[in-house]
Amino acid sequence: MTSPEIPAELLGAGFRRQRSLDVRPIVSRGEDPFTLIMAAADSLDRDEVLHLAVSFDPLPLYTVLGGRGFQSLTRRAGQLYHLWFYPASAELGRQASA
């Protein structure tokens, strides 16, 4: 899978890189990607967002990562969901200070 570009809203908030995880193969094998997702979220750099590609809207994940200080942006393309998680302290639509 080719990762989509970082959405303009996130670029405007100062994010320049994304760590992408396509968890569809993991889920299709009947495995749970939760530990992998949490490890990726916990190791993000300041200018980095977590991008997930999933085949369903993982509603509990919004709550779990929200409890860890993340907000999300979701885009759906047919049966594919693209989710970006970023620190809740970021102000979308405004240029972040360095």
Protein backbone atom coordinates (compact mmCIF):
# COMPACT_ATOMS: atom_id res chain seq x y z
CA MET A 1 0.00 0.00 0.00
CA THR A 2 1.23 3.46 -0.84
CA SER A 3 0.60 5.76 2.11
CA PRO A 4 -1.48 8.82 1.38
CA GLU A 5 0.03 12.24 1.84
CA ILE A 6 -0.22 13.90 5.22
CA PRO A 7 -3.50 15.85 5.21
CA ALA A 8 -3.19 19.63 4.85
CA GLU A 9 -4.70 20.18 8.29
CA LEU A 10 -1.84 18.25 9.88
CA LEU A 11 0.82 19.90 7.75
CA GLY A 12 -0.58 23.27 8.86
CA ALA A 13 -0.15 22.20 12.47
CA GLY A 14 3.56 21.53 11.89
CA PHE A 15 3.60 17.79 11.29
CA ARG A 16 6.05 16.84 8.55
CA ARG A 17 6.32 13.07 8.80
CA GLN A 18 4.03 10.13 9.29
CA ARG A 19 4.59 6.63 10.55
CA SER A 20 2.27 4.39 8.55
CA LEU A 21 0.89 1.03 9.58
CA ASP A 22 -1.33 -1.00 7.28
CA VAL A 23 -2.94 -3.33 9.81
CA ARG A 24 -5.26 -5.05 7.31
CA PRO A 25 -2.94 -8.06 6.79
CA ILE A 26 -2.57 -8.49 10.56
CA VAL A 27 -6.33 -8.42 11.10
CA SER A 28 -6.96 -10.77 8.15
CA ARG A 29 -4.66 -13.34 9.82
CA GLY A 30 -6.87 -13.15 12.90
CA GLU A 31 -4.24 -11.34 14.94
CA ASP A 32 -4.69 -8.20 17.02
CA PRO A 33 -2.53 -5.20 16.00
CA PHE A 34 -3.20 -3.32 19.26
CA THR A 35 0.30 -3.76 20.75
CA LEU A 36 1.95 -2.70 17.50
CA ILE A 37 -0.28 0.39 17.25
CA MET A 38 0.40 1.42 20.87
CA ALA A 39 4.15 0.99 20.43
CA ALA A 40 4.09 3.14 17.29
CA ALA A 41 2.00 5.84 18.98
CA ASP A 42 4.28 5.92 22.02
CA SER A 43 7.41 6.36 19.91
CA LEU A 44 6.33 9.22 17.62
CA ASP A 45 8.62 12.20 17.24
CA ARG A 46 7.29 15.74 17.71
CA ASP A 47 6.80 16.35 13.98
CA GLU A 48 5.34 12.91 13.28
CA VAL A 49 1.78 11.55 13.10
CA LEU A 50 0.60 7.96 13.17
CA HIS A 51 -1.23 6.87 10.02
CA LEU A 52 -3.26 3.66 10.10
CA ALA A 53 -4.88 1.88 7.17
CA VAL A 54 -7.73 -0.37 8.27
CA SER A 55 -10.72 -2.05 6.66
CA PHE A 56 -13.19 -0.91 9.35
CA ASP A 57 -13.67 2.07 11.63
CA PRO A 58 -11.92 1.01 14.88
CA LEU A 59 -14.14 2.95 17.27
CA PRO A 60 -12.53 1.75 20.55
CA LEU A 61 -9.12 2.89 19.30
CA TYR A 62 -10.25 6.53 19.30
CA THR A 63 -11.06 6.27 23.00
CA VAL A 64 -7.86 4.43 23.93
CA LEU A 65 -5.56 6.81 22.06
CA GLY A 66 -7.66 9.77 23.20
CA GLY A 67 -6.88 8.69 26.76
CA ARG A 68 -3.19 8.83 25.84
CA GLY A 69 -3.47 12.40 24.61
CA PHE A 70 -4.17 11.90 20.91
CA GLN A 71 -6.80 13.30 18.59
CA SER A 72 -7.64 11.83 15.22
CA LEU A 73 -8.50 12.65 11.66
CA THR A 74 -10.31 9.99 9.61
CA ARG A 75 -10.83 9.69 5.88
CA ARG A 76 -12.72 6.88 4.21
CA ALA A 77 -12.07 5.67 0.67
CA GLY A 78 -14.57 2.92 -0.12
CA GLN A 79 -13.86 0.07 2.30
CA LEU A 80 -10.52 1.55 3.38
CA TYR A 81 -10.21 3.83 6.38
CA HIS A 82 -7.21 6.12 6.77
CA LEU A 83 -6.72 7.36 10.31
CA TRP A 84 -4.16 9.85 11.51
CA PHE A 85 -3.47 10.19 15.22
CA TYR A 86 -1.64 13.26 16.51
CA PRO A 87 -1.07 14.95 19.89
CA ALA A 88 -4.20 16.63 21.21
CA SER A 89 -2.13 19.74 21.97
CA ALA A 90 -1.77 20.45 18.22
CA GLU A 91 -3.91 23.22 16.78
CA LEU A 92 -5.16 22.23 13.36
CA GLY A 93 -5.42 24.97 10.81
CA ARG A 94 -2.70 27.07 12.46
CA GLN A 95 1.01 26.96 11.94
CA ALA A 96 2.64 25.33 14.99
CA SER A 97 5.48 27.17 16.63
CA ALA A 98 8.92 25.58 16.54
